[in-house]
C-alpha atoms as a PDB file:
ATOM      1  CA  MET A   1       0.284  19.405   4.709  1.00  0.00           C
ATOM      2  CA  PRO A   2      -2.187  20.897   6.224  1.00  0.00           C
ATOM      3  CA  GLU A   3      -0.350  24.008   8.795  1.00  0.00           C
ATOM      4  CA  TRP A   4      -1.494  26.111  11.294  1.00  0.00           C
ATOM      5  CA  PRO A   5      -3.606  28.540   9.204  1.00  0.00           C
ATOM      6  CA  GLU A   6      -5.595  25.479   8.169  1.00  0.00           C
ATOM      7  CA  MET A   7      -5.498  23.897  11.186  1.00  0.00           C
ATOM      8  CA  ASP A   8      -6.698  26.967  12.997  1.00  0.00           C
ATOM      9  CA  THR A   9      -9.642  27.224  10.205  1.00  0.00           C
ATOM     10  CA  TYR A  10     -10.595  23.515  11.382  1.00  0.00           C
ATOM     11  CA  ARG A  11     -11.167  24.425  14.518  1.00  0.00           C
ATOM     12  CA  ARG A  12     -13.089  27.767  14.716  1.00  0.00           C
ATOM     13  CA  LEU A  13     -15.135  26.152  11.469  1.00  0.00           C
ATOM     14  CA  LEU A  14     -15.689  22.518  13.822  1.00  0.00           C
ATOM     15  CA  SER A  15     -16.207  24.410  17.143  1.00  0.00           C
ATOM     16  CA  PRO A  16     -19.955  25.847  16.520  1.00  0.00           C
ATOM     17  CA  LEU A  17     -20.597  22.446  14.959  1.00  0.00           C
ATOM     18  CA  VAL A  18     -19.570  19.841  17.314  1.00  0.00           C
ATOM     19  CA  CYS A  19     -18.784  21.169  20.735  1.00  0.00           C
ATOM     20  CA  GLY A  20     -21.662  19.783  23.357  1.00  0.00           C
ATOM     21  CA  GLN A  21     -22.811  17.057  20.889  1.00  0.00           C
ATOM     22  CA  MET A  22     -22.546  13.315  22.053  1.00  0.00           C
ATOM     23  CA  ILE A  23     -20.828  10.716  19.703  1.00  0.00           C
ATOM     24  CA  ARG A  24     -23.472   8.624  19.048  1.00  0.00           C
ATOM     25  CA  GLU A  25     -21.883   6.209  16.207  1.00  0.00           C
ATOM     26  CA  VAL A  26     -18.450   5.547  15.322  1.00  0.00           C
ATOM     27  CA  VAL A  27     -17.146   3.998  12.509  1.00  0.00           C
ATOM     28  CA  VAL A  28     -13.433   2.638  11.935  1.00  0.00           C
ATOM     29  CA  ASN A  29     -12.726   1.777   8.095  1.00  0.00           C
ATOM     30  CA  ARG A  30      -8.872   1.272   8.906  1.00  0.00           C
ATOM     31  CA  GLU A  31      -7.506  -0.079  11.813  1.00  0.00           C
ATOM     32  CA  LYS A  32      -4.224   1.719  11.411  1.00  0.00           C
ATOM     33  CA  THR A  33      -5.394   5.334  11.654  1.00  0.00           C
ATOM     34  CA  ILE A  34      -6.423   4.858  15.819  1.00  0.00           C
ATOM     35  CA  ASN A  35      -4.218   3.874  18.194  1.00  0.00           C
ATOM     36  CA  GLU A  36      -6.359   0.616  19.917  1.00  0.00           C
ATOM     37  CA  PRO A  37      -8.664  -2.080  18.404  1.00  0.00           C
ATOM     38  CA  PRO A  38     -11.515  -1.308  16.488  1.00  0.00           C
ATOM     39  CA  GLU A  39     -14.111  -2.553  19.345  1.00  0.00           C
ATOM     40  CA  THR A  40     -12.037  -0.589  22.334  1.00  0.00           C
ATOM     41  CA  PHE A  41     -11.991   2.645  20.406  1.00  0.00           C
ATOM     42  CA  ILE A  42     -15.835   2.317  19.449  1.00  0.00           C
ATOM     43  CA  ASP A  43     -16.895   1.365  22.562  1.00  0.00           C
ATOM     44  CA  ALA A  44     -14.864   3.975  24.573  1.00  0.00           C
ATOM     45  CA  LEU A  45     -16.786   6.889  22.161  1.00  0.00           C
ATOM     46  CA  LYS A  46     -19.985   5.894  22.279  1.00  0.00           C
ATOM     47  CA  GLY A  47     -22.090   8.309  24.234  1.00  0.00           C
ATOM     48  CA  LYS A  48     -18.975  10.559  25.281  1.00  0.00           C
ATOM     49  CA  ARG A  49     -19.633  14.431  24.657  1.00  0.00           C
ATOM     50  CA  ILE A  50     -17.255  17.264  22.645  1.00  0.00           C
ATOM     51  CA  LEU A  51     -16.469  19.675  25.000  1.00  0.00           C
ATOM     52  CA  PHE A  52     -13.900  21.595  22.618  1.00  0.00           C
ATOM     53  CA  VAL A  53     -11.840  21.753  20.245  1.00  0.00           C
ATOM     54  CA  GLU A  54      -8.107  22.813  20.522  1.00  0.00           C
ATOM     55  CA  ARG A  55      -5.216  23.399  18.012  1.00  0.00           C
ATOM     56  CA  LYS A  56      -1.559  22.262  19.107  1.00  0.00           C
ATOM     57  CA  GLY A  57       0.771  23.113  15.982  1.00  0.00           C
ATOM     58  CA  LYS A  58      -0.662  20.887  13.310  1.00  0.00           C
ATOM     59  CA  HIS A  59      -2.677  18.783  15.489  1.00  0.00           C
ATOM     60  CA  LEU A  60      -6.805  18.968  16.277  1.00  0.00           C
ATOM     61  CA  LEU A  61      -7.507  18.162  20.161  1.00  0.00           C
ATOM     62  CA  PHE A  62     -10.997  16.981  20.773  1.00  0.00           C
ATOM     63  CA  HIS A  63     -11.513  17.000  24.267  1.00  0.00           C
ATOM     64  CA  LEU A  64     -14.472  14.369  26.058  1.00  0.00           C
ATOM     65  CA  ASP A  65     -16.270  14.783  28.781  1.00  0.00           C
ATOM     66  CA  ASP A  66     -14.713  11.839  29.975  1.00  0.00           C
ATOM     67  CA  GLY A  67     -11.030  13.735  30.085  1.00  0.00           C
ATOM     68  CA  ASN A  68      -9.846  12.014  27.332  1.00  0.00           C
ATOM     69  CA  ARG A  69      -8.805  13.752  24.030  1.00  0.00           C
ATOM     70  CA  LEU A  70      -8.776  12.704  20.578  1.00  0.00           C
ATOM     71  CA  LEU A  71      -5.564  13.563  19.308  1.00  0.00           C
ATOM     72  CA  LEU A  72      -5.547  14.689  15.421  1.00  0.00           C
ATOM     73  CA  HIS A  73      -2.929  15.234  12.526  1.00  0.00           C
ATOM     74  CA  LEU A  74      -3.806  15.268   8.912  1.00  0.00           C
ATOM     75  CA  MET A  75      -0.351  14.914   7.892  1.00  0.00           C
ATOM     76  CA  LEU A  76      -0.075  14.525   3.783  1.00  0.00           C
ATOM     77  CA  GLY A  77      -3.577  14.277   2.139  1.00  0.00           C
ATOM     78  CA  GLY A  78      -6.030  14.576   5.064  1.00  0.00           C
ATOM     79  CA  TRP A  79      -8.954  16.480   5.738  1.00  0.00           C
ATOM     80  CA  MET A  80     -12.404  16.512   7.047  1.00  0.00           C
ATOM     81  CA  PHE A  81     -15.854  16.825   6.011  1.00  0.00           C
ATOM     82  CA  TYR A  82     -19.007  17.557   7.924  1.00  0.00           C
ATOM     83  CA  GLY A  83     -22.714  16.241   7.081  1.00  0.00           C
ATOM     84  CA  GLN A  84     -25.256  13.665   7.407  1.00  0.00           C
ATOM     85  CA  ASP A  85     -23.379  12.444   3.931  1.00  0.00           C
ATOM     86  CA  GLY A  86     -19.925  12.845   2.747  1.00  0.00           C
ATOM     87  CA  PRO A  87     -19.387  14.070  -0.943  1.00  0.00           C
ATOM     88  CA  LYS A  88     -18.095  10.089  -1.310  1.00  0.00           C
ATOM     89  CA  SER A  89     -19.419   6.830  -0.255  1.00  0.00           C
ATOM     90  CA  ASP A  90     -18.515   5.905   3.440  1.00  0.00           C
ATOM     91  CA  ASP A  91     -16.249   3.202   3.007  1.00  0.00           C
ATOM     92  CA  HIS A  92     -13.580   5.921   1.533  1.00  0.00           C
ATOM     93  CA  TYR A  93     -13.507   7.791   4.625  1.00  0.00           C
ATOM     94  CA  GLN A  94     -11.083   5.952   7.696  1.00  0.00           C
ATOM     95  CA  VAL A  95     -13.065   7.216  10.666  1.00  0.00           C
ATOM     96  CA  ILE A  96     -16.619   8.342  11.029  1.00  0.00           C
ATOM     97  CA  LEU A  97     -18.482   9.677  13.847  1.00  0.00           C
ATOM     98  CA  THR A  98     -22.018  10.113  14.102  1.00  0.00           C
ATOM     99  CA  LEU A  99     -23.407  13.050  16.278  1.00  0.00           C
ATOM    100  CA  ASP A 100     -26.573  13.418  18.088  1.00  0.00           C
ATOM    101  CA  ASP A 101     -27.688  15.856  15.684  1.00  0.00           C
ATOM    102  CA  GLY A 102     -27.626  13.470  13.093  1.00  0.00           C
ATOM    103  CA  ASN A 103     -24.600  15.140  11.130  1.00  0.00           C
ATOM    104  CA  ARG A 104     -21.624  12.938  10.756  1.00  0.00           C
ATOM    105  CA  LEU A 105     -17.948  13.581  10.754  1.00  0.00           C
ATOM    106  CA  PHE A 106     -15.506  12.388   8.399  1.00  0.00           C
ATOM    107  CA  PHE A 107     -11.822  11.871   8.401  1.00  0.00           C
ATOM    108  CA  ALA A 108     -10.358  11.462   4.962  1.00  0.00           C
ATOM    109  CA  GLY A 109      -7.000  10.508   3.460  1.00  0.00           C
ATOM    110  CA  LEU A 110      -5.480   9.353   6.580  1.00  0.00           C
ATOM    111  CA  ARG A 111      -3.197   7.127   4.895  1.00  0.00           C
ATOM    112  CA  LEU A 112      -0.125   8.868   6.756  1.00  0.00           C
ATOM    113  CA  GLY A 113      -2.267  11.167   9.673  1.00  0.00           C
ATOM    114  CA  PHE A 114      -3.665   9.152  12.853  1.00  0.00           C
ATOM    115  CA  LEU A 115      -7.051   9.980  15.304  1.00  0.00           C
ATOM    116  CA  HIS A 116      -5.627   8.444  18.510  1.00  0.00           C
ATOM    117  CA  ARG A 117      -7.920   8.283  21.450  1.00  0.00           C
ATOM    118  CA  LEU A 118      -5.062   9.143  24.554  1.00  0.00           C
ATOM    119  CA  SER A 119      -5.398  10.644  28.360  1.00  0.00           C
ATOM    120  CA  ALA A 120      -4.897  14.192  29.231  1.00  0.00           C
ATOM    121  CA  LYS A 121      -1.727  13.131  30.309  1.00  0.00           C
ATOM    122  CA  ALA A 122      -0.647  11.083  27.263  1.00  0.00           C
ATOM    123  CA  VAL A 123      -1.285  13.762  25.049  1.00  0.00           C
ATOM    124  CA  LEU A 124       0.918  16.073  27.009  1.00  0.00           C
ATOM    125  CA  GLU A 125       3.701  13.835  26.816  1.00  0.00           C
ATOM    126  CA  ARG A 126       3.385  13.023  23.374  1.00  0.00           C
ATOM    127  CA  LEU A 127       3.405  17.007  22.170  1.00  0.00           C
ATOM    128  CA  HIS A 128       5.736  17.683  24.718  1.00  0.00           C
ATOM    129  CA  ASP A 129       8.593  18.257  22.217  1.00  0.00           C
ATOM    130  CA  LEU A 130       6.412  21.110  20.106  1.00  0.00           C
ATOM    131  CA  GLY A 131       7.846  24.492  20.654  1.00  0.00           C
ATOM    132  CA  PRO A 132       6.033  27.267  20.949  1.00  0.00           C
ATOM    133  CA  ASP A 133       2.742  28.374  19.088  1.00  0.00           C
ATOM    134  CA  PRO A 134       4.050  31.255  16.757  1.00  0.00           C
ATOM    135  CA  MET A 135       0.981  33.282  17.786  1.00  0.00           C
ATOM    136  CA  ASP A 136       1.619  32.591  21.251  1.00  0.00           C
ATOM    137  CA  SER A 137       1.202  36.314  23.003  1.00  0.00           C
ATOM    138  CA  ARG A 138       4.239  35.025  25.127  1.00  0.00           C
ATOM    139  CA  LEU A 139       6.413  34.233  21.989  1.00  0.00           C
ATOM    140  CA  THR A 140       7.675  37.793  21.612  1.00  0.00           C
ATOM    141  CA  GLU A 141       9.738  39.838  19.456  1.00  0.00           C
ATOM    142  CA  ALA A 142      12.496  39.517  21.513  1.00  0.00           C
ATOM    143  CA  ALA A 143      11.477  35.536  22.748  1.00  0.00           C
ATOM    144  CA  PHE A 144      11.699  34.413  19.041  1.00  0.00           C
ATOM    145  CA  ALA A 145      15.214  36.433  18.611  1.00  0.00           C
ATOM    146  CA  ALA A 146      16.742  34.320  21.320  1.00  0.00           C
ATOM    147  CA  ARG A 147      15.120  31.225  20.500  1.00  0.00           C
ATOM    148  CA  LEU A 148      16.331  31.694  16.981  1.00  0.00           C
ATOM    149  CA  LYS A 149      20.040  32.684  17.988  1.00  0.00           C
ATOM    150  CA  LYS A 150      20.193  29.311  19.468  1.00  0.00           C
ATOM    151  CA  ARG A 151      19.996  27.659  16.484  1.00  0.00           C
ATOM    152  CA  ARG A 152      22.297  26.511  13.543  1.00  0.00           C
ATOM    153  CA  GLY A 153      21.625  26.261  10.514  1.00  0.00           C
ATOM    154  CA  ARG A 154      20.285  27.547   7.302  1.00  0.00           C
ATOM    155  CA  LEU A 155      16.293  29.208   8.350  1.00  0.00           C
ATOM    156  CA  LYS A 156      13.946  27.554   6.122  1.00  0.00           C
ATOM    157  CA  PRO A 157      14.712  23.579   7.739  1.00  0.00           C
ATOM    158  CA  VAL A 158      14.795  25.849  11.577  1.00  0.00           C
ATOM    159  CA  LEU A 159      11.258  27.210  10.896  1.00  0.00           C
ATOM    160  CA  THR A 160       9.922  23.956   9.564  1.00  0.00           C
ATOM    161  CA  ASP A 161      11.202  22.496  12.795  1.00  0.00           C
ATOM    162  CA  GLN A 162       8.183  21.649  15.141  1.00  0.00           C
ATOM    163  CA  LYS A 163      10.767  21.927  18.338  1.00  0.00           C
ATOM    164  CA  PHE A 164      11.537  25.237  17.133  1.00  0.00           C
ATOM    165  CA  LEU A 165       8.037  26.267  16.453  1.00  0.00           C
ATOM    166  CA  ALA A 166       4.538  24.043  16.397  1.00  0.00           C
ATOM    167  CA  GLY A 167       2.807  24.560  13.166  1.00  0.00           C
ATOM    168  CA  ILE A 168       4.808  26.215  10.335  1.00  0.00           C
ATOM    169  CA  GLY A 169       5.545  23.944   7.249  1.00  0.00           C
ATOM    170  CA  ASN A 170       6.831  24.275   3.266  1.00  0.00           C
ATOM    171  CA  CYS A 171       4.223  26.328   2.445  1.00  0.00           C
ATOM    172  CA  TYR A 172       4.310  29.359   5.320  1.00  0.00           C
ATOM    173  CA  SER A 173       7.556  28.936   5.777  1.00  0.00           C
ATOM    174  CA  ASP A 174       8.189  29.695   2.240  1.00  0.00           C
ATOM    175  CA  GLU A 175       5.872  32.781   2.347  1.00  0.00           C
ATOM    176  CA  ILE A 176       7.092  34.354   5.702  1.00  0.00           C
ATOM    177  CA  CYS A 177      10.698  34.375   4.262  1.00  0.00           C
ATOM    178  CA  PHE A 178       9.107  36.033   0.810  1.00  0.00           C
ATOM    179  CA  ASP A 179       7.408  38.436   2.824  1.00  0.00           C
ATOM    180  CA  ALA A 180      10.575  39.557   4.348  1.00  0.00           C
ATOM    181  CA  MET A 181      12.853  39.404   1.647  1.00  0.00           C
ATOM    182  CA  ILE A 182      15.091  37.052   3.128  1.00  0.00           C
ATOM    183  CA  HIS A 183      16.521  34.220   1.340  1.00  0.00           C
ATOM    184  CA  PRO A 184      14.724  30.842   2.861  1.00  0.00           C
ATOM    185  CA  ALA A 185      18.479  29.176   2.650  1.00  0.00           C
ATOM    186  CA  SER A 186      20.231  32.011   4.766  1.00  0.00           C
ATOM    187  CA  GLN A 187      22.435  31.025   7.523  1.00  0.00           C
ATOM    188  CA  ILE A 188      21.082  31.980  10.920  1.00  0.00           C
ATOM    189  CA  SER A 189      24.007  33.437  12.114  1.00  0.00           C
ATOM    190  CA  ALA A 190      24.233  35.598   9.120  1.00  0.00           C
ATOM    191  CA  LEU A 191      20.928  37.253  10.056  1.00  0.00           C
ATOM    192  CA  LYS A 192      20.924  41.032  11.178  1.00  0.00           C
ATOM    193  CA  GLU A 193      18.887  42.248  13.856  1.00  0.00           C
ATOM    194  CA  GLU A 194      16.763  44.369  11.777  1.00  0.00           C
ATOM    195  CA  GLN A 195      15.837  41.063   9.605  1.00  0.00           C
ATOM    196  CA  ILE A 196      14.845  38.878  12.402  1.00  0.00           C
ATOM    197  CA  SER A 197      12.340  41.896  13.519  1.00  0.00           C
ATOM    198  CA  VAL A 198      10.998  41.998  10.406  1.00  0.00           C
ATOM    199  CA  LEU A 199      11.237  38.113   9.922  1.00  0.00           C
ATOM    200  CA  TYR A 200       8.757  38.185  12.938  1.00  0.00           C
ATOM    201  CA  ALA A 201       6.681  40.463  11.926  1.00  0.00           C
ATOM    202  CA  SER A 202       6.318  38.779   8.580  1.00  0.00           C
ATOM    203  CA  MET A 203       5.313  35.482  10.577  1.00  0.00           C
ATOM    204  CA  ARG A 204       2.628  36.839  12.596  1.00  0.00           C
ATOM    205  CA  LYS A 205       1.290  38.740   9.139  1.00  0.00           C
ATOM    206  CA  VAL A 206       1.527  35.790   6.770  1.00  0.00           C
ATOM    207  CA  LEU A 207      -0.467  33.347   9.368  1.00  0.00           C
ATOM    208  CA  THR A 208      -2.770  35.823  10.393  1.00  0.00           C
ATOM    209  CA  GLU A 209      -3.725  36.916   6.731  1.00  0.00           C
ATOM    210  CA  ALA A 210      -4.022  33.102   5.894  1.00  0.00           C
ATOM    211  CA  ALA A 211      -6.115  31.913   8.486  1.00  0.00           C
ATOM    212  CA  ASP A 212      -8.058  34.709   7.650  1.00  0.00           C
ATOM    213  CA  GLY A 213      -8.281  33.837   4.033  1.00  0.00           C
ATOM    214  CA  GLY A 214      -9.310  29.936   5.575  1.00  0.00           C
ATOM    215  CA  GLY A 215      -5.510  28.334   4.650  1.00  0.00           C
ATOM    216  CA  TYR A 216      -4.726  26.603   1.795  1.00  0.00           C
ATOM    217  CA  MET A 217      -7.316  23.321   1.476  1.00  0.00           C
ATOM    218  CA  GLU A 218      -9.235  22.778  -1.517  1.00  0.00           C
ATOM    219  CA  HIS A 219     -11.913  20.235   0.668  1.00  0.00           C
ATOM    220  CA  PRO A 220     -14.613  22.217   2.415  1.00  0.00           C
ATOM    221  CA  LEU A 221     -15.530  21.120   5.733  1.00  0.00           C
ATOM    222  CA  THR A 222     -19.385  21.276   4.649  1.00  0.00           C
ATOM    223  CA  ALA A 223     -21.776  22.004   1.585  1.00  0.00           C
ATOM    224  CA  GLU A 224     -21.952  25.284   3.043  1.00  0.00           C
ATOM    225  CA  ASP A 225     -18.507  26.025   3.329  1.00  0.00           C
ATOM    226  CA  GLU A 226     -16.905  28.826   1.699  1.00  0.00           C
ATOM    227  CA  THR A 227     -14.273  29.886   3.834  1.00  0.00           C
ATOM    228  CA  THR A 228     -11.756  26.509   3.400  1.00  0.00           C
ATOM    229  CA  GLY A 229      -8.960  26.849   0.719  1.00  0.00           C
ATOM    230  CA  GLY A 230      -9.683  30.459   0.225  1.00  0.00           C
ATOM    231  CA  PHE A 231      -5.434  31.379   0.832  1.00  0.00           C
ATOM    232  CA  LEU A 232      -4.813  29.247  -1.701  1.00  0.00           C
ATOM    233  CA  ASP A 233      -4.846  31.825  -4.887  1.00  0.00           C
ATOM    234  CA  LYS A 234      -3.197  34.297  -2.608  1.00  0.00           C
ATOM    235  CA  LEU A 235      -0.056  32.410  -2.237  1.00  0.00           C
ATOM    236  CA  LEU A 236       2.618  34.685  -3.661  1.00  0.00           C
ATOM    237  CA  ILE A 237       5.666  32.362  -4.122  1.00  0.00           C
ATOM    238  CA  TYR A 238       4.837  28.684  -2.904  1.00  0.00           C
ATOM    239  CA  ASP A 239       4.175  26.250  -5.859  1.00  0.00           C
ATOM    240  CA  ARG A 240       4.518  29.245  -8.220  1.00  0.00           C
ATOM    241  CA  GLY A 241       7.977  28.162  -9.744  1.00  0.00           C
ATOM    242  CA  GLY A 242       8.586  29.410 -12.766  1.00  0.00           C
ATOM    243  CA  GLU A 243       5.755  31.968 -12.721  1.00  0.00           C
ATOM    244  CA  PRO A 244       7.228  35.768 -12.324  1.00  0.00           C
ATOM    245  CA  CYS A 245       7.490  37.258  -8.930  1.00  0.00           C
ATOM    246  CA  PRO A 246       4.289  39.870  -8.091  1.00  0.00           C
ATOM    247  CA  ARG A 247       7.189  42.302  -6.790  1.00  0.00           C
ATOM    248  CA  SER A 248      10.191  42.230  -8.824  1.00  0.00           C
ATOM    249  CA  GLY A 249       9.124  40.443 -12.100  1.00  0.00           C
ATOM    250  CA  ASP A 250      11.968  38.096 -12.081  1.00  0.00           C
ATOM    251  CA  GLU A 251      11.579  34.597 -12.182  1.00  0.00           C
ATOM    252  CA  ILE A 252      10.590  32.219  -8.923  1.00  0.00           C
ATOM    253  CA  VAL A 253      13.187  29.955  -8.212  1.00  0.00           C
ATOM    254  CA  LEU A 254      12.148  25.884  -7.360  1.00  0.00           C
ATOM    255  CA  GLU A 255      15.286  24.315  -5.380  1.00  0.00           C
ATOM    256  CA  THR A 256      15.388  21.820  -2.674  1.00  0.00           C
ATOM    257  CA  LEU A 257      16.464  22.625   0.848  1.00  0.00           C
ATOM    258  CA  ALA A 258      17.380  19.513   3.146  1.00  0.00           C
ATOM    259  CA  GLY A 259      14.635  17.490   1.279  1.00  0.00           C
ATOM    260  CA  ARG A 260      11.831  20.014   0.936  1.00  0.00           C
ATOM    261  CA  LYS A 261      10.579  22.224  -1.914  1.00  0.00           C
ATOM    262  CA  MET A 262      12.193  25.789  -1.877  1.00  0.00           C
ATOM    263  CA  PHE A 263      10.949  28.422  -3.576  1.00  0.00           C
ATOM    264  CA  TYR A 264      11.761  31.983  -3.589  1.00  0.00           C
ATOM    265  CA  CYS A 265      12.618  35.170  -5.729  1.00  0.00           C
ATOM    266  CA  PRO A 266      16.744  35.779  -6.302  1.00  0.00           C
ATOM    267  CA  ALA A 267      16.243  39.570  -6.981  1.00  0.00           C
ATOM    268  CA  CYS A 268      14.215  40.201  -3.808  1.00  0.00           C
ATOM    269  CA  GLN A 269      15.446  37.956  -1.493  1.00  0.00           C
ATOM    270  CA  LYS A 270      19.236  37.652  -0.956  1.00  0.00           C
ATOM    271  CA  GLU A 271      21.027  35.559   0.749  1.00  0.00           C
ATOM    272  CA  ALA A 272      22.371  36.274   4.352  1.00  0.00           C
END
């Protein structure tokens, strides 16, 4: 599932391509992907201009010139493509937007994800429970520590709780814990002050490096896109069970915690 770096990569790449453009045509191939009858959705979007693209956690928001938004959550398996023609036939995509420069924005893999047209108020209500953005300047180390100390349980489920922080999921929670040399199953109450400080720094470092590297998405946004997915080969721990740890050389372990995959090195990540 795309996380903070993947969605921020999409935001950065999409903005100069779609901002200021008018939506000329709309195709809906899967009614369950949207939140209203296809005819209503199509008629409401035609002639509307995309003002800017915003990211909220794992969501993208396309701000329209009528005051409404398109709220996108890719969930598991979702991806996008921009160009005159997609890499697959048109019926493969759940929604297609044709823009006034002749290019189209294709939304694919939205079997679990969605693209909803909502008012600004409805978006605020929908995203009300999201925690702060991990990179928000207001989320200082002290603020992060204070939020963390209010929580109970193990570290990974807390890091991936979107009410705690918006945007971190399965992959980057493991990468952050590995960088901080903290076991992802550590009890929050057992973490020392210095460990929390290191964890905060690792969160900022890992997410920044992953976003700068294009995240781990394997689907390029355009035919010329060489950025998206560039961080996939730079993941150090996630999805590398059985491989040698790049730091200790010991075998990376795959376990399950709270229904999620958890990758860690038993030699250099001791449980608090």
